[in-house]
Amino acid sequence: MPTFDYDFIVIRRRIDPLTRVLAYTAILVVALPIVALVVKVPWSTFIESVGADDSLVAIQLSLWTSGISAILCLVLGVPLAWWLSQSDVKISRIVRPIVLAPIALPPTVAGLALLGLLSRQGLLGQFIFEHTGWQMPFTSVAVIFTGLFIGTPFLVLIVESTFYHIPEEIEDAAVIDRASNGQLFRMIALPQARNGIITALLLAWARILGEFGATMMFAGSLPGSTQTWTIQIYHELDVNPDTAYALSFLMIVIAMSIFIFMRHPLVSTLTSRRNPRGELT
């Protein structure tokens, strides 16, 4: 008689009608605005709109500033996430809400907070201006710093969660082998968490690339210096709506490409589910 390996049997549960209706409604709520935007894109002049000098300058500015911000988020955020995952509970309960606060802050409040710190009359900015004669607001550096402030919490949130999911037996074995805290971080934690770090980096970069309000408040809208991709869309909406739709569509393409590219790290990190053959799905 044939034998069956019941470990490979997948039981598909039926979804009740109400849940199905709610799920389809949620899909429509998310998908319809995107479809509407795509319909409004002026395909006959798409290349001309995206290739205009102002558009290209704004896109290039956003790409290099967001790239630098994302790298800084990685360099600073990963050690912070590790420290939070290893620190005393009492300390992490105090520090974690502060670190993650920018996620919930309205963009204008985030921009105002940055001005309060780094403007010419800011807590830190006044000392910088007095000793160097330079101020950060309304410069490309302000765009980068805004991205760092906005993106770091997203990266920390995901990477810290990934560190918590590292099997304890691996860490225990390293401790038994007399691995130092630094070696545990570099040789155990980082390799084990690489998928989570990749996911967090891409999400942070996408969030930075799409930032608008805080950048407008802190960095302004100076063409070629602080007028980022999203700010350019905002200006074009009044001047040339066709260009605004074209630039918006291009940003949607980038956003969807990010999620397609990181699908494997995202699934293995956030769900850790495997199909009946033991493969990540």
C-alpha atoms as a PDB file:
ATOM      1  CA  MET A   1       0.000   0.000   0.000  1.00  0.00           C
ATOM      2  CA  PRO A   2       1.211   3.546  -0.710  1.00  0.00           C
ATOM      3  CA  THR A   3       2.199   5.595   2.281  1.00  0.00           C
ATOM      4  CA  PHE A   4       1.657   9.291   2.758  1.00  0.00           C
ATOM      5  CA  ASP A   5       3.817  11.834   4.481  1.00  0.00           C
ATOM      6  CA  TYR A   6       1.256  13.935   6.305  1.00  0.00           C
ATOM      7  CA  ASP A   7       3.848  16.660   6.934  1.00  0.00           C
ATOM      8  CA  PHE A   8       3.431  17.653   3.300  1.00  0.00           C
ATOM      9  CA  ILE A   9      -0.348  17.863   3.321  1.00  0.00           C
ATOM     10  CA  VAL A  10      -1.629  21.427   3.172  1.00  0.00           C
ATOM     11  CA  ILE A  11      -5.161  22.063   4.374  1.00  0.00           C
ATOM     12  CA  ARG A  12      -6.733  25.125   2.784  1.00  0.00           C
ATOM     13  CA  ARG A  13      -9.262  26.643   5.134  1.00  0.00           C
ATOM     14  CA  ARG A  14     -12.377  28.135   3.631  1.00  0.00           C
ATOM     15  CA  ILE A  15     -12.772  31.866   4.053  1.00  0.00           C
ATOM     16  CA  ASP A  16     -16.189  33.010   5.160  1.00  0.00           C
ATOM     17  CA  PRO A  17     -18.072  35.409   2.823  1.00  0.00           C
ATOM     18  CA  LEU A  18     -17.842  38.430   5.137  1.00  0.00           C
ATOM     19  CA  THR A  19     -14.075  38.127   5.444  1.00  0.00           C
ATOM     20  CA  ARG A  20     -13.799  37.716   1.685  1.00  0.00           C
ATOM     21  CA  VAL A  21     -15.890  40.850   1.044  1.00  0.00           C
ATOM     22  CA  LEU A  22     -13.824  42.884   3.506  1.00  0.00           C
ATOM     23  CA  ALA A  23     -10.595  41.641   1.927  1.00  0.00           C
ATOM     24  CA  TYR A  24     -11.758  42.542  -1.580  1.00  0.00           C
ATOM     25  CA  THR A  25     -12.879  45.942  -0.325  1.00  0.00           C
ATOM     26  CA  ALA A  26      -9.446  46.567   1.158  1.00  0.00           C
ATOM     27  CA  ILE A  27      -7.824  45.630  -2.152  1.00  0.00           C
ATOM     28  CA  LEU A  28     -10.053  48.088  -3.994  1.00  0.00           C
ATOM     29  CA  VAL A  29      -9.318  50.866  -1.492  1.00  0.00           C
ATOM     30  CA  VAL A  30      -5.598  50.463  -2.162  1.00  0.00           C
ATOM     31  CA  ALA A  31      -5.676  49.595  -5.852  1.00  0.00           C
ATOM     32  CA  LEU A  32      -8.259  52.009  -7.269  1.00  0.00           C
ATOM     33  CA  PRO A  33      -6.319  55.231  -6.528  1.00  0.00           C
ATOM     34  CA  ILE A  34      -3.233  53.713  -8.160  1.00  0.00           C
ATOM     35  CA  VAL A  35      -5.264  52.637 -11.187  1.00  0.00           C
ATOM     36  CA  ALA A  36      -6.809  56.107 -11.405  1.00  0.00           C
ATOM     37  CA  LEU A  37      -3.373  57.706 -11.373  1.00  0.00           C
ATOM     38  CA  VAL A  38      -2.118  55.365 -14.101  1.00  0.00           C
ATOM     39  CA  VAL A  39      -5.153  56.224 -16.244  1.00  0.00           C
ATOM     40  CA  LYS A  40      -4.370  59.934 -15.895  1.00  0.00           C
ATOM     41  CA  VAL A  41      -0.762  59.568 -17.067  1.00  0.00           C
ATOM     42  CA  PRO A  42      -0.245  61.390 -20.406  1.00  0.00           C
ATOM     43  CA  TRP A  43       1.447  58.563 -22.276  1.00  0.00           C
ATOM     44  CA  SER A  44       1.889  60.589 -25.464  1.00  0.00           C
ATOM     45  CA  THR A  45       4.107  63.098 -23.641  1.00  0.00           C
ATOM     46  CA  PHE A  46       5.419  60.829 -20.873  1.00  0.00           C
ATOM     47  CA  ILE A  47       9.066  60.826 -21.970  1.00  0.00           C
ATOM     48  CA  GLU A  48       9.000  64.561 -22.562  1.00  0.00           C
ATOM     49  CA  SER A  49       7.493  65.223 -19.123  1.00  0.00           C
ATOM     50  CA  VAL A  50       9.883  62.984 -17.217  1.00  0.00           C
ATOM     51  CA  GLY A  51      12.863  64.092 -19.292  1.00  0.00           C
ATOM     52  CA  ALA A  52      12.326  67.817 -18.735  1.00  0.00           C
ATOM     53  CA  ASP A  53      15.278  69.581 -17.133  1.00  0.00           C
ATOM     54  CA  ASP A  54      13.424  70.443 -13.921  1.00  0.00           C
ATOM     55  CA  SER A  55      12.151  66.891 -13.568  1.00  0.00           C
ATOM     56  CA  LEU A  56      15.553  65.302 -14.125  1.00  0.00           C
ATOM     57  CA  VAL A  57      17.237  67.630 -11.646  1.00  0.00           C
ATOM     58  CA  ALA A  58      14.616  66.836  -8.986  1.00  0.00           C
ATOM     59  CA  ILE A  59      14.862  63.087  -9.621  1.00  0.00           C
ATOM     60  CA  GLN A  60      18.660  63.110  -9.472  1.00  0.00           C
ATOM     61  CA  LEU A  61      18.612  65.171  -6.285  1.00  0.00           C
ATOM     62  CA  SER A  62      16.189  62.769  -4.626  1.00  0.00           C
ATOM     63  CA  LEU A  63      18.115  59.673  -5.681  1.00  0.00           C
ATOM     64  CA  TRP A  64      21.516  60.750  -4.373  1.00  0.00           C
ATOM     65  CA  THR A  65      20.276  62.409  -1.190  1.00  0.00           C
ATOM     66  CA  SER A  66      17.986  59.487  -0.321  1.00  0.00           C
ATOM     67  CA  GLY A  67      20.817  57.073  -1.097  1.00  0.00           C
ATOM     68  CA  ILE A  68      23.160  58.831   1.323  1.00  0.00           C
ATOM     69  CA  SER A  69      20.413  59.011   3.954  1.00  0.00           C
ATOM     70  CA  ALA A  70      19.694  55.293   3.597  1.00  0.00           C
ATOM     71  CA  ILE A  71      23.377  54.403   3.981  1.00  0.00           C
ATOM     72  CA  LEU A  72      23.582  56.536   7.122  1.00  0.00           C
ATOM     73  CA  CYS A  73      20.428  54.853   8.427  1.00  0.00           C
ATOM     74  CA  LEU A  74      22.118  51.499   7.872  1.00  0.00           C
ATOM     75  CA  VAL A  75      25.387  52.491   9.545  1.00  0.00           C
ATOM     76  CA  LEU A  76      23.677  53.992  12.597  1.00  0.00           C
ATOM     77  CA  GLY A  77      20.435  52.028  12.759  1.00  0.00           C
ATOM     78  CA  VAL A  78      21.734  48.454  12.717  1.00  0.00           C
ATOM     79  CA  PRO A  79      23.993  48.904  15.790  1.00  0.00           C
ATOM     80  CA  LEU A  80      21.137  50.729  17.522  1.00  0.00           C
ATOM     81  CA  ALA A  81      18.743  47.872  16.765  1.00  0.00           C
ATOM     82  CA  TRP A  82      21.253  45.363  18.145  1.00  0.00           C
ATOM     83  CA  TRP A  83      21.779  47.457  21.270  1.00  0.00           C
ATOM     84  CA  LEU A  84      18.022  47.696  21.854  1.00  0.00           C
ATOM     85  CA  SER A  85      17.611  43.948  21.425  1.00  0.00           C
ATOM     86  CA  GLN A  86      20.379  43.249  23.949  1.00  0.00           C
ATOM     87  CA  SER A  87      19.838  46.054  26.452  1.00  0.00           C
ATOM     88  CA  ASP A  88      18.050  45.920  29.769  1.00  0.00           C
ATOM     89  CA  VAL A  89      14.259  45.951  29.472  1.00  0.00           C
ATOM     90  CA  LYS A  90      13.942  49.076  31.608  1.00  0.00           C
ATOM     91  CA  ILE A  91      16.344  50.974  29.350  1.00  0.00           C
ATOM     92  CA  SER A  92      14.803  49.778  26.087  1.00  0.00           C
ATOM     93  CA  ARG A  93      11.319  50.726  27.280  1.00  0.00           C
ATOM     94  CA  ILE A  94      12.501  54.311  27.610  1.00  0.00           C
ATOM     95  CA  VAL A  95      14.711  54.550  24.518  1.00  0.00           C
ATOM     96  CA  ARG A  96      12.575  52.617  22.025  1.00  0.00           C
ATOM     97  CA  PRO A  97       9.558  54.995  22.031  1.00  0.00           C
ATOM     98  CA  ILE A  98      11.908  57.943  21.480  1.00  0.00           C
ATOM     99  CA  VAL A  99      13.658  56.228  18.566  1.00  0.00           C
ATOM    100  CA  LEU A 100      10.402  55.138  16.918  1.00  0.00           C
ATOM    101  CA  ALA A 101       8.517  58.404  17.508  1.00  0.00           C
ATOM    102  CA  PRO A 102       9.226  59.857  14.014  1.00  0.00           C
ATOM    103  CA  ILE A 103       7.141  57.044  12.513  1.00  0.00           C
ATOM    104  CA  ALA A 104       4.009  58.504  14.099  1.00  0.00           C
ATOM    105  CA  LEU A 105       4.918  62.189  13.874  1.00  0.00           C
ATOM    106  CA  PRO A 106       3.079  64.296  11.275  1.00  0.00           C
ATOM    107  CA  PRO A 107       5.604  65.428   8.635  1.00  0.00           C
ATOM    108  CA  THR A 108       5.182  69.104   9.501  1.00  0.00           C
ATOM    109  CA  VAL A 109       5.870  68.364  13.163  1.00  0.00           C
ATOM    110  CA  ALA A 110       8.980  66.405  12.185  1.00  0.00           C
ATOM    111  CA  GLY A 111      10.181  69.336  10.070  1.00  0.00           C
ATOM    112  CA  LEU A 112       9.494  71.780  12.877  1.00  0.00           C
ATOM    113  CA  ALA A 113      11.429  69.577  15.303  1.00  0.00           C
ATOM    114  CA  LEU A 114      14.423  69.620  12.960  1.00  0.00           C
ATOM    115  CA  LEU A 115      14.206  73.400  12.704  1.00  0.00           C
ATOM    116  CA  GLY A 116      14.072  73.621  16.485  1.00  0.00           C
ATOM    117  CA  LEU A 117      17.322  71.697  16.677  1.00  0.00           C
ATOM    118  CA  LEU A 118      19.332  72.860  13.675  1.00  0.00           C
ATOM    119  CA  SER A 119      18.044  76.256  12.544  1.00  0.00           C
ATOM    120  CA  ARG A 120      20.113  79.368  13.162  1.00  0.00           C
ATOM    121  CA  GLN A 121      18.261  79.839  16.465  1.00  0.00           C
ATOM    122  CA  GLY A 122      18.013  76.102  17.188  1.00  0.00           C
ATOM    123  CA  LEU A 123      19.413  74.312  20.206  1.00  0.00           C
ATOM    124  CA  LEU A 124      22.388  72.998  18.247  1.00  0.00           C
ATOM    125  CA  GLY A 125      22.182  75.117  15.115  1.00  0.00           C
ATOM    126  CA  GLN A 126      22.992  78.369  16.907  1.00  0.00           C
ATOM    127  CA  PHE A 127      26.355  76.997  18.050  1.00  0.00           C
ATOM    128  CA  ILE A 128      27.135  75.699  14.572  1.00  0.00           C
ATOM    129  CA  PHE A 129      26.292  79.070  13.045  1.00  0.00           C
ATOM    130  CA  GLU A 130      28.277  81.038  15.630  1.00  0.00           C
ATOM    131  CA  HIS A 131      31.436  78.990  15.075  1.00  0.00           C
ATOM    132  CA  THR A 132      31.238  78.306  11.340  1.00  0.00           C
ATOM    133  CA  GLY A 133      28.800  80.849   9.873  1.00  0.00           C
ATOM    134  CA  TRP A 134      26.985  77.942   8.201  1.00  0.00           C
ATOM    135  CA  GLN A 135      23.408  76.801   8.756  1.00  0.00           C
ATOM    136  CA  MET A 136      21.932  73.500   7.681  1.00  0.00           C
ATOM    137  CA  PRO A 137      18.312  74.428   6.815  1.00  0.00           C
ATOM    138  CA  PHE A 138      17.519  75.012   3.140  1.00  0.00           C
ATOM    139  CA  THR A 139      20.567  73.074   1.923  1.00  0.00           C
ATOM    140  CA  SER A 140      21.006  69.628   0.393  1.00  0.00           C
ATOM    141  CA  VAL A 141      22.476  68.523   3.724  1.00  0.00           C
ATOM    142  CA  ALA A 142      19.100  69.333   5.285  1.00  0.00           C
ATOM    143  CA  VAL A 143      17.433  66.991   2.790  1.00  0.00           C
ATOM    144  CA  ILE A 144      19.856  64.221   3.787  1.00  0.00           C
ATOM    145  CA  PHE A 145      19.394  64.830   7.513  1.00  0.00           C
ATOM    146  CA  THR A 146      15.616  64.820   7.116  1.00  0.00           C
ATOM    147  CA  GLY A 147      15.854  61.443   5.415  1.00  0.00           C
ATOM    148  CA  LEU A 148      18.057  60.153   8.216  1.00  0.00           C
ATOM    149  CA  PHE A 149      15.562  61.341  10.838  1.00  0.00           C
ATOM    150  CA  ILE A 150      12.586  59.832   9.008  1.00  0.00           C
ATOM    151  CA  GLY A 151      14.178  56.587   7.802  1.00  0.00           C
ATOM    152  CA  THR A 152      16.128  55.409  10.844  1.00  0.00           C
ATOM    153  CA  PRO A 153      13.064  54.392  12.906  1.00  0.00           C
ATOM    154  CA  PHE A 154      11.749  52.194  10.069  1.00  0.00           C
ATOM    155  CA  LEU A 155      15.070  50.414   9.777  1.00  0.00           C
ATOM    156  CA  VAL A 156      15.470  49.981  13.535  1.00  0.00           C
ATOM    157  CA  LEU A 157      11.942  48.608  13.939  1.00  0.00           C
ATOM    158  CA  ILE A 158      12.462  45.811  11.406  1.00  0.00           C
ATOM    159  CA  VAL A 159      16.082  44.980  12.208  1.00  0.00           C
ATOM    160  CA  GLU A 160      15.472  44.802  15.960  1.00  0.00           C
ATOM    161  CA  SER A 161      12.600  42.391  15.339  1.00  0.00           C
ATOM    162  CA  THR A 162      14.922  40.307  13.164  1.00  0.00           C
ATOM    163  CA  PHE A 163      17.564  40.167  15.885  1.00  0.00           C
ATOM    164  CA  TYR A 164      14.949  38.854  18.321  1.00  0.00           C
ATOM    165  CA  HIS A 165      14.260  35.946  15.955  1.00  0.00           C
ATOM    166  CA  ILE A 166      17.856  34.705  15.877  1.00  0.00           C
ATOM    167  CA  PRO A 167      17.796  31.206  17.461  1.00  0.00           C
ATOM    168  CA  GLU A 168      19.054  31.377  21.028  1.00  0.00           C
ATOM    169  CA  GLU A 169      21.080  28.186  20.618  1.00  0.00           C
ATOM    170  CA  ILE A 170      23.266  29.907  18.021  1.00  0.00           C
ATOM    171  CA  GLU A 171      24.021  32.793  20.365  1.00  0.00           C
ATOM    172  CA  ASP A 172      24.565  30.392  23.278  1.00  0.00           C
ATOM    173  CA  ALA A 173      27.030  28.347  21.240  1.00  0.00           C
ATOM    174  CA  ALA A 174      28.975  31.496  20.383  1.00  0.00           C
ATOM    175  CA  VAL A 175      29.071  32.518  24.042  1.00  0.00           C
ATOM    176  CA  ILE A 176      30.323  29.057  25.020  1.00  0.00           C
ATOM    177  CA  ASP A 177      33.086  29.475  22.440  1.00  0.00           C
ATOM    178  CA  ARG A 178      34.011  32.689  24.294  1.00  0.00           C
ATOM    179  CA  ALA A 179      32.916  35.052  21.551  1.00  0.00           C
ATOM    180  CA  SER A 180      33.026  38.686  22.601  1.00  0.00           C
ATOM    181  CA  ASN A 181      30.005  40.951  22.256  1.00  0.00           C
ATOM    182  CA  GLY A 182      31.568  42.512  19.164  1.00  0.00           C
ATOM    183  CA  GLN A 183      32.221  39.106  17.600  1.00  0.00           C
ATOM    184  CA  LEU A 184      28.684  38.005  18.438  1.00  0.00           C
ATOM    185  CA  PHE A 185      27.350  41.062  16.616  1.00  0.00           C
ATOM    186  CA  ARG A 186      29.637  40.866  13.569  1.00  0.00           C
ATOM    187  CA  MET A 187      29.921  37.109  13.068  1.00  0.00           C
ATOM    188  CA  ILE A 188      26.558  35.829  14.309  1.00  0.00           C
ATOM    189  CA  ALA A 189      23.911  38.551  14.413  1.00  0.00           C
ATOM    190  CA  LEU A 190      24.687  40.317  11.132  1.00  0.00           C
ATOM    191  CA  PRO A 191      24.839  37.175   8.938  1.00  0.00           C
ATOM    192  CA  GLN A 192      21.706  35.745  10.565  1.00  0.00           C
ATOM    193  CA  ALA A 193      19.811  39.014  10.130  1.00  0.00           C
ATOM    194  CA  ARG A 194      20.981  39.874   6.612  1.00  0.00           C
ATOM    195  CA  ASN A 195      17.543  39.367   5.024  1.00  0.00           C
ATOM    196  CA  GLY A 196      15.909  41.574   7.618  1.00  0.00           C
ATOM    197  CA  ILE A 197      18.577  44.223   7.157  1.00  0.00           C
ATOM    198  CA  ILE A 198      18.080  44.206   3.377  1.00  0.00           C
ATOM    199  CA  THR A 199      14.325  44.502   3.828  1.00  0.00           C
ATOM    200  CA  ALA A 200      14.685  47.308   6.358  1.00  0.00           C
ATOM    201  CA  LEU A 201      17.161  49.194   4.173  1.00  0.00           C
ATOM    202  CA  LEU A 202      14.886  49.092   1.134  1.00  0.00           C
ATOM    203  CA  LEU A 203      11.820  50.143   3.120  1.00  0.00           C
ATOM    204  CA  ALA A 204      13.732  52.976   4.764  1.00  0.00           C
ATOM    205  CA  TRP A 205      15.025  54.145   1.381  1.00  0.00           C
ATOM    206  CA  ALA A 206      11.521  54.053  -0.108  1.00  0.00           C
ATOM    207  CA  ARG A 207      10.182  56.035   2.843  1.00  0.00           C
ATOM    208  CA  ILE A 208      12.970  58.607   2.508  1.00  0.00           C
ATOM    209  CA  LEU A 209      12.469  58.907  -1.247  1.00  0.00           C
ATOM    210  CA  GLY A 210       8.781  59.680  -0.770  1.00  0.00           C
ATOM    211  CA  GLU A 211       9.162  62.187   2.071  1.00  0.00           C
ATOM    212  CA  PHE A 212       7.503  65.543   1.454  1.00  0.00           C
ATOM    213  CA  GLY A 213       6.265  67.534   4.454  1.00  0.00           C
ATOM    214  CA  ALA A 214       9.314  67.388   6.705  1.00  0.00           C
ATOM    215  CA  THR A 215      11.616  68.143   3.776  1.00  0.00           C
ATOM    216  CA  MET A 216       9.510  71.131   2.766  1.00  0.00           C
ATOM    217  CA  MET A 217       9.559  72.488   6.329  1.00  0.00           C
ATOM    218  CA  PHE A 218      13.258  71.953   7.029  1.00  0.00           C
ATOM    219  CA  ALA A 219      14.932  72.155   3.628  1.00  0.00           C
ATOM    220  CA  GLY A 220      12.537  74.290   1.611  1.00  0.00           C
ATOM    221  CA  SER A 221      12.030  74.051  -2.132  1.00  0.00           C
ATOM    222  CA  LEU A 222      15.082  75.465  -3.894  1.00  0.00           C
ATOM    223  CA  PRO A 223      15.458  74.110  -7.462  1.00  0.00           C
ATOM    224  CA  GLY A 224      18.608  72.044  -7.819  1.00  0.00           C
ATOM    225  CA  SER A 225      19.335  72.170  -4.096  1.00  0.00           C
ATOM    226  CA  THR A 226      16.341  71.065  -2.033  1.00  0.00           C
ATOM    227  CA  GLN A 227      13.466  70.663  -4.508  1.00  0.00           C
ATOM    228  CA  THR A 228      13.103  66.911  -4.344  1.00  0.00           C
ATOM    229  CA  TRP A 229      11.073  64.578  -6.522  1.00  0.00           C
ATOM    230  CA  THR A 230       7.925  64.783  -4.387  1.00  0.00           C
ATOM    231  CA  ILE A 231       8.172  68.557  -4.035  1.00  0.00           C
ATOM    232  CA  GLN A 232       8.567  68.814  -7.813  1.00  0.00           C
ATOM    233  CA  ILE A 233       5.349  66.816  -8.206  1.00  0.00           C
ATOM    234  CA  TYR A 234       3.596  69.235  -5.854  1.00  0.00           C
ATOM    235  CA  HIS A 235       4.753  72.257  -7.871  1.00  0.00           C
ATOM    236  CA  GLU A 236       3.936  70.677 -11.232  1.00  0.00           C
ATOM    237  CA  LEU A 237       0.401  69.909 -10.079  1.00  0.00           C
ATOM    238  CA  ASP A 238      -0.382  73.634 -10.282  1.00  0.00           C
ATOM    239  CA  VAL A 239       1.729  74.410 -13.342  1.00  0.00           C
ATOM    240  CA  ASN A 240       1.558  71.266 -15.481  1.00  0.00           C
ATOM    241  CA  PRO A 241      -0.616  68.422 -14.110  1.00  0.00           C
ATOM    242  CA  ASP A 242       0.485  66.071 -16.897  1.00  0.00           C
ATOM    243  CA  THR A 243       4.075  66.239 -15.660  1.00  0.00           C
ATOM    244  CA  ALA A 244       2.901  65.676 -12.084  1.00  0.00           C
ATOM    245  CA  TYR A 245       1.086  62.490 -13.112  1.00  0.00           C
ATOM    246  CA  ALA A 246       4.065  61.277 -15.141  1.00  0.00           C
ATOM    247  CA  LEU A 247       6.486  61.809 -12.246  1.00  0.00           C
ATOM    248  CA  SER A 248       4.043  60.167  -9.836  1.00  0.00           C
ATOM    249  CA  PHE A 249       3.710  57.116 -12.067  1.00  0.00           C
ATOM    250  CA  LEU A 250       7.478  56.753 -12.218  1.00  0.00           C
ATOM    251  CA  MET A 251       7.607  56.816  -8.414  1.00  0.00           C
ATOM    252  CA  ILE A 252       4.925  54.108  -8.265  1.00  0.00           C
ATOM    253  CA  VAL A 253       7.019  51.966 -10.602  1.00  0.00           C
ATOM    254  CA  ILE A 254      10.033  52.369  -8.331  1.00  0.00           C
ATOM    255  CA  ALA A 255       7.967  51.566  -5.231  1.00  0.00           C
ATOM    256  CA  MET A 256       6.525  48.396  -6.765  1.00  0.00           C
ATOM    257  CA  SER A 257       9.954  47.383  -8.053  1.00  0.00           C
ATOM    258  CA  ILE A 258      11.331  47.648  -4.532  1.00  0.00           C
ATOM    259  CA  PHE A 259       8.718  45.246  -3.169  1.00  0.00           C
ATOM    260  CA  ILE A 260       9.220  42.824  -6.049  1.00  0.00           C
ATOM    261  CA  PHE A 261      12.988  42.933  -5.569  1.00  0.00           C
ATOM    262  CA  MET A 262      12.839  42.361  -1.825  1.00  0.00           C
ATOM    263  CA  ARG A 263      10.085  39.755  -1.906  1.00  0.00           C
ATOM    264  CA  HIS A 264      12.340  36.936  -0.788  1.00  0.00           C
ATOM    265  CA  PRO A 265      13.951  38.835   2.123  1.00  0.00           C
ATOM    266  CA  LEU A 266      10.552  40.213   3.134  1.00  0.00           C
ATOM    267  CA  VAL A 267       8.900  36.803   3.258  1.00  0.00           C
ATOM    268  CA  SER A 268      11.762  35.040   5.017  1.00  0.00           C
ATOM    269  CA  THR A 269      12.052  37.818   7.582  1.00  0.00           C
ATOM    270  CA  LEU A 270       8.492  38.794   8.386  1.00  0.00           C
ATOM    271  CA  THR A 271       6.630  35.524   7.876  1.00  0.00           C
ATOM    272  CA  SER A 272       9.197  32.690   7.938  1.00  0.00           C
ATOM    273  CA  ARG A 273       6.571  30.498   6.281  1.00  0.00           C
ATOM    274  CA  ARG A 274       7.516  27.602   4.050  1.00  0.00           C
ATOM    275  CA  ASN A 275       5.568  25.696   1.462  1.00  0.00           C
ATOM    276  CA  PRO A 276       5.048  21.936   1.680  1.00  0.00           C
ATOM    277  CA  ARG A 277       8.397  21.294  -0.017  1.00  0.00           C
ATOM    278  CA  GLY A 278      10.224  23.338   2.562  1.00  0.00           C
ATOM    279  CA  GLU A 279      10.845  26.262   0.231  1.00  0.00           C
ATOM    280  CA  LEU A 280      10.230  29.892   1.098  1.00  0.00           C
ATOM    281  CA  THR A 281       7.082  31.202  -0.562  1.00  0.00           C
END
